[in-house]
Amino acid sequence: MNKEKIIEKAKSFVRDLLSKEGTGHGYDHVQRVLYNAERILQTEEADPFVVRLAAILHDVDDYKLFPDHQNDENAWAFLKEAGVDEETAEKVIACIDTVSFKGKDSVVPQTMEGKIVQDADRLDAIGAIGIARAFAYGGSQNRRLYDDTLLFRKNPSFEEYRSGSPSTIAHFYEKLLLLKDMMNTEKGKEIAEERHAYMLTFLDEFAKETGHGK
């Protein structure tokens, strides 16, 4: 099993699969998640092949992109075709299955590999890039930028979260501002602190410009 060839093949597979994705979950997102994961890997003991492969494949069956998919069908198909052994493939799938934010139903991965990939994905949901992605996805879902008449939900369940935030600004309070305290690794926490602070600055400025700030 040539691990580097499989990694490159995975990148090509995901690049093609997500080539028309424009909601903030495209191949550029995958590249950043991989970059984040590799940064965290420098400070944690984990299987780098599992981490890198899971980071690359983590969205190939995401319910937001593939609502009809079940049982990680794209991920499994790639892993089998690429010749990844069953034990490694199961570890990769376990990472993928625990990566997503699910409101109060979110889970903490049991393995360090899963924790790293989860942190890496969540880091791309906050900070400057997180702000950009939030509005890109909100626009694709016809969400309002903000709406004073719609209150955000505190600690929504996965089903409530999956139904969509009432506005993009509400999404910050329902998810993005919660992620800093949900990081698993020390490096993830360190990076999240700075990105969280940037989002708070943005929200303060947004409030001022919409007549709600001081």
N, C-alpha and C. Protein backbone atom coordinates (compact mmCIF):
# COMPACT_ATOMS: atom_id res chain seq x y z
N MET A 1 0.86 -1.20 0.00
CA MET A 1 0.00 0.00 0.00
C MET A 1 0.89 1.25 0.00
N ASN A 2 0.92 1.93 -1.13
CA ASN A 2 1.72 3.16 -1.25
C ASN A 2 0.90 4.33 -0.71
N LYS A 3 1.22 4.74 0.50
CA LYS A 3 0.40 5.74 1.18
C LYS A 3 0.39 7.09 0.47
N GLU A 4 1.54 7.53 -0.02
CA GLU A 4 1.59 8.83 -0.69
C GLU A 4 0.78 8.83 -1.97
N LYS A 5 0.81 7.74 -2.70
CA LYS A 5 0.01 7.66 -3.92
C LYS A 5 -1.47 7.68 -3.60
N ILE A 6 -1.85 7.03 -2.51
CA ILE A 6 -3.26 7.03 -2.10
C ILE A 6 -3.70 8.43 -1.68
N ILE A 7 -2.85 9.14 -0.97
CA ILE A 7 -3.17 10.51 -0.58
C ILE A 7 -3.38 11.38 -1.81
N GLU A 8 -2.49 11.27 -2.78
CA GLU A 8 -2.62 12.06 -4.00
C GLU A 8 -3.86 11.66 -4.79
N LYS A 9 -4.16 10.38 -4.79
CA LYS A 9 -5.36 9.90 -5.48
C LYS A 9 -6.62 10.42 -4.78
N ALA A 10 -6.58 10.46 -3.47
CA ALA A 10 -7.72 10.99 -2.72
C ALA A 10 -7.94 12.47 -3.03
N LYS A 11 -6.87 13.22 -3.11
CA LYS A 11 -6.99 14.64 -3.44
C LYS A 11 -7.64 14.82 -4.81
N SER A 12 -7.21 14.02 -5.77
CA SER A 12 -7.76 14.12 -7.12
C SER A 12 -9.24 13.73 -7.13
N PHE A 13 -9.58 12.68 -6.39
CA PHE A 13 -10.96 12.22 -6.30
C PHE A 13 -11.87 13.30 -5.73
N VAL A 14 -11.43 13.92 -4.64
CA VAL A 14 -12.26 14.94 -3.99
C VAL A 14 -12.30 16.22 -4.82
N ARG A 15 -11.19 16.57 -5.45
CA ARG A 15 -11.17 17.75 -6.32
C ARG A 15 -12.21 17.62 -7.42
N ASP A 16 -12.28 16.45 -8.04
CA ASP A 16 -13.26 16.22 -9.10
C ASP A 16 -14.69 16.17 -8.54
N LEU A 17 -14.87 15.50 -7.42
CA LEU A 17 -16.21 15.34 -6.83
C LEU A 17 -16.81 16.68 -6.43
N LEU A 18 -15.98 17.57 -5.91
CA LEU A 18 -16.48 18.85 -5.39
C LEU A 18 -16.17 20.03 -6.32
N SER A 19 -15.92 19.74 -7.58
CA SER A 19 -15.48 20.78 -8.51
C SER A 19 -16.50 21.89 -8.71
N LYS A 20 -17.78 21.58 -8.53
CA LYS A 20 -18.82 22.59 -8.73
C LYS A 20 -19.40 23.10 -7.42
N GLU A 21 -18.77 22.74 -6.32
CA GLU A 21 -19.26 23.14 -5.00
C GLU A 21 -18.90 24.60 -4.71
N GLY A 22 -19.90 25.42 -4.38
CA GLY A 22 -19.66 26.83 -4.15
C GLY A 22 -20.24 27.35 -2.85
N THR A 23 -20.53 26.46 -1.90
CA THR A 23 -21.16 26.89 -0.65
C THR A 23 -20.19 26.95 0.52
N GLY A 24 -18.89 26.87 0.22
CA GLY A 24 -17.91 26.89 1.30
C GLY A 24 -17.43 25.52 1.69
N HIS A 25 -17.85 24.48 0.95
CA HIS A 25 -17.46 23.10 1.24
C HIS A 25 -16.71 22.47 0.06
N GLY A 26 -16.08 23.30 -0.75
CA GLY A 26 -15.38 22.81 -1.92
C GLY A 26 -13.99 22.30 -1.61
N TYR A 27 -13.22 22.06 -2.68
CA TYR A 27 -11.89 21.49 -2.50
C TYR A 27 -10.96 22.44 -1.75
N ASP A 28 -11.18 23.75 -1.89
CA ASP A 28 -10.35 24.70 -1.13
C ASP A 28 -10.55 24.51 0.38
N HIS A 29 -11.78 24.20 0.78
CA HIS A 29 -12.04 23.89 2.19
C HIS A 29 -11.28 22.64 2.61
N VAL A 30 -11.30 21.61 1.78
CA VAL A 30 -10.59 20.38 2.08
C VAL A 30 -9.09 20.64 2.23
N GLN A 31 -8.54 21.46 1.37
CA GLN A 31 -7.12 21.81 1.45
C GLN A 31 -6.79 22.48 2.79
N ARG A 32 -7.66 23.35 3.23
CA ARG A 32 -7.40 24.06 4.49
C ARG A 32 -7.54 23.12 5.68
N VAL A 33 -8.52 22.23 5.63
CA VAL A 33 -8.68 21.25 6.71
C VAL A 33 -7.44 20.36 6.79
N LEU A 34 -6.93 19.94 5.65
CA LEU A 34 -5.71 19.14 5.62
C LEU A 34 -4.54 19.92 6.21
N TYR A 35 -4.43 21.18 5.84
CA TYR A 35 -3.37 22.04 6.38
C TYR A 35 -3.48 22.16 7.90
N ASN A 36 -4.70 22.39 8.39
CA ASN A 36 -4.92 22.49 9.83
C ASN A 36 -4.54 21.18 10.53
N ALA A 37 -4.96 20.07 9.93
CA ALA A 37 -4.67 18.77 10.52
C ALA A 37 -3.17 18.51 10.60
N GLU A 38 -2.45 18.90 9.57
CA GLU A 38 -1.01 18.69 9.56
C GLU A 38 -0.31 19.58 10.59
N ARG A 39 -0.85 20.75 10.84
CA ARG A 39 -0.31 21.60 11.91
C ARG A 39 -0.49 20.95 13.27
N ILE A 40 -1.68 20.41 13.49
CA ILE A 40 -1.96 19.78 14.78
C ILE A 40 -1.15 18.50 14.94
N LEU A 41 -0.95 17.78 13.84
CA LEU A 41 -0.18 16.54 13.88
C LEU A 41 1.24 16.75 14.42
N GLN A 42 1.76 17.95 14.26
CA GLN A 42 3.11 18.24 14.72
C GLN A 42 3.20 18.22 16.24
N THR A 43 2.07 18.30 16.91
CA THR A 43 2.07 18.38 18.37
C THR A 43 1.36 17.21 19.04
N GLU A 44 0.85 16.26 18.25
CA GLU A 44 0.10 15.14 18.81
C GLU A 44 0.61 13.82 18.25
N GLU A 45 0.47 12.76 19.03
CA GLU A 45 0.82 11.41 18.58
C GLU A 45 -0.41 10.78 17.92
N ALA A 46 -0.31 10.56 16.61
CA ALA A 46 -1.43 9.97 15.88
C ALA A 46 -0.90 9.41 14.57
N ASP A 47 -1.73 8.58 13.93
CA ASP A 47 -1.37 8.00 12.64
C ASP A 47 -1.57 9.06 11.55
N PRO A 48 -0.49 9.59 10.98
CA PRO A 48 -0.63 10.67 10.01
C PRO A 48 -1.38 10.27 8.74
N PHE A 49 -1.27 9.00 8.34
CA PHE A 49 -1.97 8.55 7.14
C PHE A 49 -3.48 8.57 7.36
N VAL A 50 -3.92 8.07 8.48
CA VAL A 50 -5.35 8.08 8.80
C VAL A 50 -5.86 9.51 8.90
N VAL A 51 -5.12 10.36 9.58
CA VAL A 51 -5.53 11.77 9.74
C VAL A 51 -5.62 12.46 8.39
N ARG A 52 -4.60 12.33 7.58
CA ARG A 52 -4.59 13.02 6.29
C ARG A 52 -5.69 12.52 5.37
N LEU A 53 -5.88 11.20 5.34
CA LEU A 53 -6.91 10.63 4.47
C LEU A 53 -8.31 11.03 4.93
N ALA A 54 -8.53 11.00 6.23
CA ALA A 54 -9.84 11.41 6.76
C ALA A 54 -10.10 12.89 6.52
N ALA A 55 -9.07 13.72 6.66
CA ALA A 55 -9.22 15.16 6.41
C ALA A 55 -9.62 15.41 4.96
N ILE A 56 -9.03 14.68 4.04
CA ILE A 56 -9.33 14.85 2.62
C ILE A 56 -10.73 14.36 2.28
N LEU A 57 -11.14 13.26 2.88
CA LEU A 57 -12.42 12.62 2.52
C LEU A 57 -13.59 13.05 3.41
N HIS A 58 -13.37 13.93 4.36
CA HIS A 58 -14.38 14.12 5.42
C HIS A 58 -15.72 14.66 4.92
N ASP A 59 -15.77 15.29 3.75
CA ASP A 59 -17.03 15.86 3.28
C ASP A 59 -17.63 15.12 2.08
N VAL A 60 -17.06 13.98 1.70
CA VAL A 60 -17.52 13.36 0.45
C VAL A 60 -18.90 12.72 0.55
N ASP A 61 -19.42 12.62 1.77
CA ASP A 61 -20.79 12.14 1.96
C ASP A 61 -21.59 13.06 2.89
N ASP A 62 -21.12 14.28 3.05
CA ASP A 62 -21.77 15.21 3.98
C ASP A 62 -23.24 15.42 3.59
N TYR A 63 -24.12 15.41 4.59
CA TYR A 63 -25.56 15.49 4.31
C TYR A 63 -25.94 16.80 3.62
N LYS A 64 -25.14 17.86 3.83
CA LYS A 64 -25.46 19.14 3.19
C LYS A 64 -25.19 19.09 1.69
N LEU A 65 -24.25 18.26 1.28
CA LEU A 65 -23.87 18.14 -0.13
C LEU A 65 -24.50 16.94 -0.81
N PHE A 66 -24.68 15.87 -0.03
CA PHE A 66 -25.21 14.61 -0.58
C PHE A 66 -26.32 14.10 0.34
N PRO A 67 -27.47 14.76 0.31
CA PRO A 67 -28.55 14.43 1.25
C PRO A 67 -29.09 13.01 1.13
N ASP A 68 -28.88 12.36 -0.02
CA ASP A 68 -29.41 11.00 -0.22
C ASP A 68 -28.40 9.91 0.13
N HIS A 69 -27.19 10.30 0.50
CA HIS A 69 -26.16 9.30 0.77
C HIS A 69 -26.35 8.66 2.14
N GLN A 70 -26.01 7.39 2.21
CA GLN A 70 -26.06 6.65 3.47
C GLN A 70 -24.80 5.80 3.60
N ASN A 71 -24.40 5.60 4.84
CA ASN A 71 -23.30 4.66 5.14
C ASN A 71 -21.99 5.02 4.44
N ASP A 72 -21.73 6.34 4.32
CA ASP A 72 -20.43 6.80 3.79
C ASP A 72 -20.11 6.17 2.45
N GLU A 73 -21.07 6.12 1.55
CA GLU A 73 -20.89 5.35 0.32
C GLU A 73 -19.75 5.85 -0.56
N ASN A 74 -19.58 7.17 -0.70
CA ASN A 74 -18.47 7.68 -1.51
C ASN A 74 -17.12 7.36 -0.87
N ALA A 75 -17.03 7.56 0.44
CA ALA A 75 -15.77 7.30 1.14
C ALA A 75 -15.38 5.84 1.05
N TRP A 76 -16.35 4.95 1.33
CA TRP A 76 -16.06 3.52 1.26
C TRP A 76 -15.65 3.10 -0.14
N ALA A 77 -16.34 3.62 -1.13
CA ALA A 77 -16.03 3.25 -2.52
C ALA A 77 -14.60 3.65 -2.87
N PHE A 78 -14.22 4.85 -2.45
CA PHE A 78 -12.85 5.28 -2.75
C PHE A 78 -11.83 4.42 -2.02
N LEU A 79 -12.04 4.20 -0.74
CA LEU A 79 -11.07 3.44 0.06
C LEU A 79 -10.87 2.03 -0.49
N LYS A 80 -11.95 1.39 -0.90
CA LYS A 80 -11.84 0.04 -1.45
C LYS A 80 -11.14 0.06 -2.80
N GLU A 81 -11.49 1.01 -3.64
CA GLU A 81 -10.89 1.09 -4.97
C GLU A 81 -9.40 1.42 -4.89
N ALA A 82 -9.03 2.23 -3.87
CA ALA A 82 -7.63 2.63 -3.71
C ALA A 82 -6.78 1.56 -3.05
N GLY A 83 -7.42 0.50 -2.56
CA GLY A 83 -6.68 -0.59 -1.95
C GLY A 83 -6.27 -0.36 -0.51
N VAL A 84 -7.01 0.49 0.19
CA VAL A 84 -6.73 0.73 1.61
C VAL A 84 -7.19 -0.48 2.41
N ASP A 85 -6.34 -1.01 3.28
CA ASP A 85 -6.73 -2.20 4.04
C ASP A 85 -7.92 -1.90 4.95
N GLU A 86 -8.66 -2.94 5.29
CA GLU A 86 -9.93 -2.77 6.00
C GLU A 86 -9.76 -2.10 7.36
N GLU A 87 -8.73 -2.46 8.10
CA GLU A 87 -8.53 -1.86 9.42
C GLU A 87 -8.29 -0.36 9.32
N THR A 88 -7.44 0.05 8.37
CA THR A 88 -7.18 1.48 8.18
C THR A 88 -8.42 2.19 7.67
N ALA A 89 -9.13 1.56 6.74
CA ALA A 89 -10.35 2.16 6.19
C ALA A 89 -11.38 2.41 7.29
N GLU A 90 -11.53 1.46 8.20
CA GLU A 90 -12.49 1.64 9.30
C GLU A 90 -12.09 2.79 10.21
N LYS A 91 -10.80 2.98 10.41
CA LYS A 91 -10.33 4.10 11.23
C LYS A 91 -10.64 5.43 10.55
N VAL A 92 -10.45 5.46 9.23
CA VAL A 92 -10.75 6.68 8.48
C VAL A 92 -12.24 6.99 8.55
N ILE A 93 -13.07 5.98 8.35
CA ILE A 93 -14.52 6.18 8.40
C ILE A 93 -14.96 6.63 9.79
N ALA A 94 -14.34 6.08 10.83
CA ALA A 94 -14.68 6.50 12.20
C ALA A 94 -14.39 7.98 12.40
N CYS A 95 -13.31 8.47 11.84
CA CYS A 95 -12.99 9.90 11.92
C CYS A 95 -14.05 10.72 11.20
N ILE A 96 -14.40 10.28 9.99
CA ILE A 96 -15.39 11.00 9.20
C ILE A 96 -16.75 11.06 9.91
N ASP A 97 -17.13 9.95 10.53
CA ASP A 97 -18.45 9.87 11.15
C ASP A 97 -18.59 10.72 12.42
N THR A 98 -17.47 11.14 12.99
CA THR A 98 -17.54 11.94 14.22
C THR A 98 -17.09 13.38 14.01
N VAL A 99 -16.81 13.77 12.76
CA VAL A 99 -16.23 15.09 12.53
C VAL A 99 -17.25 16.22 12.67
N SER A 100 -18.48 15.99 12.29
CA SER A 100 -19.46 17.07 12.13
C SER A 100 -19.98 17.65 13.45
N PHE A 101 -20.24 18.94 13.40
CA PHE A 101 -20.95 19.62 14.49
C PHE A 101 -22.43 19.24 14.41
N LYS A 102 -23.00 18.81 15.52
CA LYS A 102 -24.40 18.40 15.55
C LYS A 102 -25.14 19.03 16.72
N GLY A 103 -24.79 20.28 17.02
CA GLY A 103 -25.46 20.94 18.13
C GLY A 103 -25.17 20.21 19.43
N LYS A 104 -26.17 20.11 20.27
CA LYS A 104 -25.98 19.44 21.56
C LYS A 104 -25.79 17.93 21.40
N ASP A 105 -26.01 17.44 20.16
CA ASP A 105 -25.79 16.02 19.88
C ASP A 105 -24.39 15.73 19.34
N SER A 106 -23.53 16.75 19.34
CA SER A 106 -22.15 16.55 18.88
C SER A 106 -21.44 15.55 19.78
N VAL A 107 -20.49 14.82 19.19
CA VAL A 107 -19.74 13.84 19.96
C VAL A 107 -18.26 14.18 19.92
N VAL A 108 -17.55 13.74 20.97
CA VAL A 108 -16.10 13.85 21.01
C VAL A 108 -15.52 12.54 20.48
N PRO A 109 -14.71 12.58 19.44
CA PRO A 109 -14.14 11.34 18.90
C PRO A 109 -13.35 10.58 19.96
N GLN A 110 -13.35 9.27 19.85
CA GLN A 110 -12.64 8.44 20.82
C GLN A 110 -11.15 8.35 20.53
N THR A 111 -10.76 8.56 19.29
CA THR A 111 -9.35 8.43 18.92
C THR A 111 -8.71 9.79 18.74
N MET A 112 -7.38 9.84 18.88
CA MET A 112 -6.68 11.09 18.63
C MET A 112 -6.79 11.50 17.17
N GLU A 113 -6.80 10.51 16.28
CA GLU A 113 -6.96 10.83 14.87
C GLU A 113 -8.28 11.57 14.63
N GLY A 114 -9.34 11.06 15.23
CA GLY A 114 -10.64 11.70 15.08
C GLY A 114 -10.67 13.09 15.69
N LYS A 115 -10.03 13.25 16.82
CA LYS A 115 -9.99 14.55 17.49
C LYS A 115 -9.26 15.58 16.64
N ILE A 116 -8.17 15.15 16.01
CA ILE A 116 -7.41 16.07 15.17
C ILE A 116 -8.23 16.51 13.96
N VAL A 117 -8.87 15.56 13.29
CA VAL A 117 -9.65 15.90 12.11
C VAL A 117 -10.84 16.78 12.48
N GLN A 118 -11.48 16.49 13.59
CA GLN A 118 -12.60 17.32 14.04
C GLN A 118 -12.13 18.75 14.31
N ASP A 119 -11.02 18.90 15.02
CA ASP A 119 -10.48 20.24 15.28
C ASP A 119 -10.13 20.94 13.98
N ALA A 120 -9.50 20.23 13.08
CA ALA A 120 -9.07 20.83 11.81
C ALA A 120 -10.26 21.35 11.01
N ASP A 121 -11.34 20.59 10.99
CA ASP A 121 -12.55 21.01 10.28
C ASP A 121 -13.20 22.21 10.97
N ARG A 122 -13.25 22.17 12.28
CA ARG A 122 -13.90 23.26 13.02
C ARG A 122 -13.11 24.55 12.94
N LEU A 123 -11.80 24.45 12.85
CA LEU A 123 -10.99 25.66 12.71
C LEU A 123 -11.32 26.40 11.41
N ASP A 124 -11.71 25.65 10.39
CA ASP A 124 -12.05 26.30 9.12
C ASP A 124 -13.44 26.90 9.14
N ALA A 125 -14.16 26.71 10.24
CA ALA A 125 -15.50 27.30 10.39
C ALA A 125 -15.46 28.60 11.18
N ILE A 126 -14.28 28.99 11.66
CA ILE A 126 -14.18 30.20 12.48
C ILE A 126 -13.08 31.11 11.94
N GLY A 127 -12.99 32.32 12.51
CA GLY A 127 -12.03 33.28 12.02
C GLY A 127 -12.49 33.93 10.72
N ALA A 128 -11.56 34.55 10.00
CA ALA A 128 -11.91 35.25 8.76
C ALA A 128 -12.50 34.30 7.73
N ILE A 129 -11.87 33.13 7.57
CA ILE A 129 -12.39 32.19 6.58
C ILE A 129 -13.74 31.64 7.01
N GLY A 130 -13.94 31.48 8.30
CA GLY A 130 -15.23 31.01 8.80
C GLY A 130 -16.35 32.00 8.51
N ILE A 131 -16.03 33.29 8.65
CA ILE A 131 -17.01 34.34 8.34
C ILE A 131 -17.38 34.27 6.86
N ALA A 132 -16.37 34.16 6.01
CA ALA A 132 -16.62 34.10 4.56
C ALA A 132 -17.47 32.89 4.21
N ARG A 133 -17.14 31.75 4.80
CA ARG A 133 -17.88 30.52 4.50
C ARG A 133 -19.32 30.59 5.01
N ALA A 134 -19.50 31.22 6.16
CA ALA A 134 -20.86 31.32 6.72
C ALA A 134 -21.78 32.10 5.78
N PHE A 135 -21.29 33.20 5.24
CA PHE A 135 -22.13 34.00 4.35
C PHE A 135 -22.28 33.35 2.98
N ALA A 136 -21.25 32.62 2.53
CA ALA A 136 -21.37 31.89 1.27
C ALA A 136 -22.46 30.83 1.38
N TYR A 137 -22.42 30.07 2.47
CA TYR A 137 -23.42 29.01 2.65
C TYR A 137 -24.80 29.62 2.90
N GLY A 138 -24.86 30.67 3.70
CA GLY A 138 -26.14 31.32 3.96
C GLY A 138 -26.80 31.82 2.68
N GLY A 139 -25.98 32.40 1.79
CA GLY A 139 -26.52 32.87 0.51
C GLY A 139 -27.05 31.73 -0.33
N SER A 140 -26.36 30.59 -0.30
CA SER A 140 -26.80 29.43 -1.09
C SER A 140 -28.12 28.87 -0.57
N GLN A 141 -28.42 29.14 0.70
CA GLN A 141 -29.65 28.65 1.32
C GLN A 141 -30.73 29.73 1.41
N ASN A 142 -30.47 30.86 0.76
CA ASN A 142 -31.40 32.00 0.78
C ASN A 142 -31.69 32.51 2.19
N ARG A 143 -30.70 32.41 3.06
CA ARG A 143 -30.86 32.94 4.41
C ARG A 143 -30.68 34.46 4.41
N ARG A 144 -31.38 35.11 5.29
CA ARG A 144 -31.17 36.54 5.49
C ARG A 144 -29.84 36.76 6.20
N LEU A 145 -29.25 37.93 5.97
CA LEU A 145 -28.02 38.24 6.69
C LEU A 145 -28.29 38.25 8.19
N TYR A 146 -29.34 38.95 8.58
CA TYR A 146 -29.76 38.99 9.98
C TYR A 146 -31.24 39.33 10.02
N ASP A 147 -31.86 39.03 11.13
CA ASP A 147 -33.28 39.31 11.27
C ASP A 147 -33.58 39.49 12.75
N ASP A 148 -33.90 40.71 13.13
CA ASP A 148 -34.16 41.01 14.54
C ASP A 148 -35.38 40.29 15.08
N THR A 149 -36.26 39.85 14.20
CA THR A 149 -37.50 39.22 14.67
C THR A 149 -37.33 37.71 14.91
N LEU A 150 -36.19 37.17 14.49
CA LEU A 150 -35.95 35.73 14.63
C LEU A 150 -34.85 35.50 15.64
N LEU A 151 -35.15 34.85 16.73
CA LEU A 151 -34.17 34.61 17.78
C LEU A 151 -33.38 33.36 17.47
N PHE A 152 -32.09 33.41 17.77
CA PHE A 152 -31.28 32.20 17.57
C PHE A 152 -31.60 31.19 18.65
N ARG A 153 -31.36 29.93 18.34
CA ARG A 153 -31.68 28.84 19.27
C ARG A 153 -30.45 28.51 20.10
N LYS A 154 -30.63 28.40 21.39
CA LYS A 154 -29.53 28.05 22.27
C LYS A 154 -29.37 26.53 22.33
N ASN A 155 -28.16 26.08 22.00
CA ASN A 155 -27.83 24.65 22.10
C ASN A 155 -28.85 23.78 21.36
N PRO A 156 -29.03 24.00 20.05
CA PRO A 156 -30.02 23.21 19.31
C PRO A 156 -29.61 21.75 19.19
N SER A 157 -30.59 20.89 19.02
CA SER A 157 -30.32 19.48 18.74
C SER A 157 -29.85 19.36 17.30
N PHE A 158 -29.39 18.16 16.91
CA PHE A 158 -28.93 17.98 15.53
C PHE A 158 -30.07 18.20 14.55
N GLU A 159 -31.25 17.71 14.84
CA GLU A 159 -32.37 17.89 13.92
C GLU A 159 -32.73 19.37 13.79
N GLU A 160 -32.69 20.10 14.91
CA GLU A 160 -32.97 21.54 14.85
C GLU A 160 -31.88 22.25 14.06
N TYR A 161 -30.63 21.90 14.32
CA TYR A 161 -29.51 22.52 13.63
C TYR A 161 -29.58 22.21 12.14
N ARG A 162 -29.90 20.96 11.82
CA ARG A 162 -29.96 20.53 10.43
C ARG A 162 -31.04 21.26 9.66
N SER A 163 -32.07 21.71 10.33
CA SER A 163 -33.17 22.41 9.67
C SER A 163 -32.76 23.80 9.19
N GLY A 164 -31.59 24.30 9.68
CA GLY A 164 -31.09 25.58 9.20
C GLY A 164 -31.28 26.70 10.20
N SER A 165 -30.30 27.58 10.26
CA SER A 165 -30.39 28.75 11.14
C SER A 165 -31.33 29.78 10.52
N PRO A 166 -31.98 30.59 11.34
CA PRO A 166 -32.91 31.59 10.80
C PRO A 166 -32.21 32.69 10.01
N SER A 167 -30.95 32.94 10.28
CA SER A 167 -30.17 33.93 9.54
C SER A 167 -28.70 33.59 9.69
N THR A 168 -27.86 34.20 8.87
CA THR A 168 -26.43 33.90 8.97
C THR A 168 -25.85 34.40 10.28
N ILE A 169 -26.26 35.57 10.72
CA ILE A 169 -25.76 36.07 12.01
C ILE A 169 -26.21 35.15 13.14
N ALA A 170 -27.41 34.61 13.08
CA ALA A 170 -27.86 33.66 14.10
C ALA A 170 -26.95 32.44 14.12
N HIS A 171 -26.45 32.05 12.94
CA HIS A 171 -25.57 30.88 12.84
C HIS A 171 -24.30 31.05 13.66
N PHE A 172 -23.84 32.29 13.79
CA PHE A 172 -22.66 32.53 14.64
C PHE A 172 -22.95 32.11 16.08
N TYR A 173 -24.12 32.45 16.56
CA TYR A 173 -24.46 32.17 17.95
C TYR A 173 -24.89 30.71 18.16
N GLU A 174 -25.41 30.08 17.12
CA GLU A 174 -25.85 28.70 17.23
C GLU A 174 -24.72 27.70 17.04
N LYS A 175 -23.63 28.14 16.38
CA LYS A 175 -22.52 27.22 16.14
C LYS A 175 -21.15 27.87 16.28
N LEU A 176 -20.86 28.86 15.45
CA LEU A 176 -19.48 29.32 15.29
C LEU A 176 -18.84 29.80 16.58
N LEU A 177 -19.59 30.52 17.41
CA LEU A 177 -19.02 31.04 18.66
C LEU A 177 -18.89 29.95 19.72
N LEU A 178 -19.46 28.79 19.47
CA LEU A 178 -19.37 27.68 20.42
C LEU A 178 -18.13 26.82 20.20
N LEU A 179 -17.55 26.91 19.01
CA LEU A 179 -16.51 25.96 18.62
C LEU A 179 -15.20 26.11 19.41
N LYS A 180 -14.89 27.31 19.82
CA LYS A 180 -13.64 27.52 20.58
C LYS A 180 -13.57 26.61 21.79
N ASP A 181 -14.67 26.46 22.49
CA ASP A 181 -14.68 25.66 23.71
C ASP A 181 -14.94 24.18 23.45
N MET A 182 -15.00 23.80 22.18
CA MET A 182 -15.23 22.40 21.83
C MET A 182 -13.99 21.76 21.20
N MET A 183 -12.88 22.49 21.19
CA MET A 183 -11.65 21.95 20.61
C MET A 183 -11.08 20.84 21.49
N ASN A 184 -10.46 19.87 20.85
CA ASN A 184 -9.92 18.71 21.55
C ASN A 184 -8.44 18.81 21.88
N THR A 185 -7.67 19.44 21.01
CA THR A 185 -6.22 19.45 21.13
C THR A 185 -5.71 20.81 21.58
N GLU A 186 -4.53 20.84 22.16
CA GLU A 186 -3.96 22.10 22.63
C GLU A 186 -3.69 23.05 21.46
N LYS A 187 -3.17 22.52 20.37
CA LYS A 187 -2.92 23.36 19.19
C LYS A 187 -4.22 23.88 18.62
N GLY A 188 -5.25 23.04 18.59
CA GLY A 188 -6.56 23.48 18.13
C GLY A 188 -7.11 24.61 18.99
N LYS A 189 -6.96 24.47 20.29
CA LYS A 189 -7.43 25.51 21.21
C LYS A 189 -6.68 26.81 21.00
N GLU A 190 -5.38 26.69 20.80
CA GLU A 190 -4.53 27.88 20.60
C GLU A 190 -4.95 28.66 19.35
N ILE A 191 -5.12 27.94 18.25
CA ILE A 191 -5.52 28.60 17.00
C ILE A 191 -6.93 29.16 17.12
N ALA A 192 -7.81 28.42 17.77
CA ALA A 192 -9.21 28.84 17.90
C ALA A 192 -9.36 30.13 18.69
N GLU A 193 -8.53 30.34 19.68
CA GLU A 193 -8.62 31.56 20.50
C GLU A 193 -8.51 32.80 19.62
N GLU A 194 -7.51 32.82 18.76
CA GLU A 194 -7.29 33.99 17.90
C GLU A 194 -8.43 34.16 16.90
N ARG A 195 -8.87 33.06 16.32
CA ARG A 195 -9.94 33.15 15.32
C ARG A 195 -11.27 33.55 15.97
N HIS A 196 -11.51 33.08 17.18
CA HIS A 196 -12.72 33.44 17.91
C HIS A 196 -12.74 34.94 18.18
N ALA A 197 -11.60 35.47 18.61
CA ALA A 197 -11.51 36.91 18.90
C ALA A 197 -11.81 37.73 17.65
N TYR A 198 -11.34 37.26 16.52
CA TYR A 198 -11.58 37.98 15.26
C TYR A 198 -13.08 38.01 14.94
N MET A 199 -13.77 36.91 15.18
CA MET A 199 -15.22 36.87 14.92
C MET A 199 -15.96 37.84 15.83
N LEU A 200 -15.54 37.94 17.08
CA LEU A 200 -16.19 38.88 18.00
C LEU A 200 -16.02 40.31 17.52
N THR A 201 -14.83 40.64 17.02
CA THR A 201 -14.58 41.96 16.48
C THR A 201 -15.49 42.22 15.28
N PHE A 202 -15.60 41.23 14.41
CA PHE A 202 -16.49 41.36 13.25
C PHE A 202 -17.93 41.59 13.67
N LEU A 203 -18.40 40.81 14.65
CA LEU A 203 -19.80 40.95 15.07
C LEU A 203 -20.06 42.30 15.72
N ASP A 204 -19.08 42.83 16.44
CA ASP A 204 -19.23 44.17 17.01
C ASP A 204 -19.37 45.21 15.90
N GLU A 205 -18.53 45.10 14.89
CA GLU A 205 -18.59 46.05 13.77
C GLU A 205 -19.89 45.89 13.00
N PHE A 206 -20.32 44.65 12.80
CA PHE A 206 -21.58 44.39 12.10
C PHE A 206 -22.74 45.04 12.85
N ALA A 207 -22.72 44.90 14.16
CA ALA A 207 -23.79 45.48 14.97
C ALA A 207 -23.81 47.00 14.84
N LYS A 208 -22.63 47.62 14.84
CA LYS A 208 -22.55 49.08 14.70
C LYS A 208 -23.11 49.53 13.36
N GLU A 209 -22.74 48.81 12.30
CA GLU A 209 -23.14 49.21 10.96
C GLU A 209 -24.61 48.96 10.69
N THR A 210 -25.25 48.13 11.48
CA THR A 210 -26.68 47.89 11.32
C THR A 210 -27.51 48.64 12.36
N GLY A 211 -26.83 49.52 13.10
CA GLY A 211 -27.54 50.35 14.08
C GLY A 211 -27.84 49.68 15.38
N HIS A 212 -27.17 48.57 15.68
CA HIS A 212 -27.44 47.84 16.91
C HIS A 212 -26.29 47.93 17.91
N GLY A 213 -25.16 48.52 17.46
CA GLY A 213 -24.01 48.61 18.34
C GLY A 213 -24.00 49.88 19.15
N LYS A 214 -22.96 49.99 19.97
CA LYS A 214 -22.83 51.17 20.83
C LYS A 214 -22.33 52.37 20.03
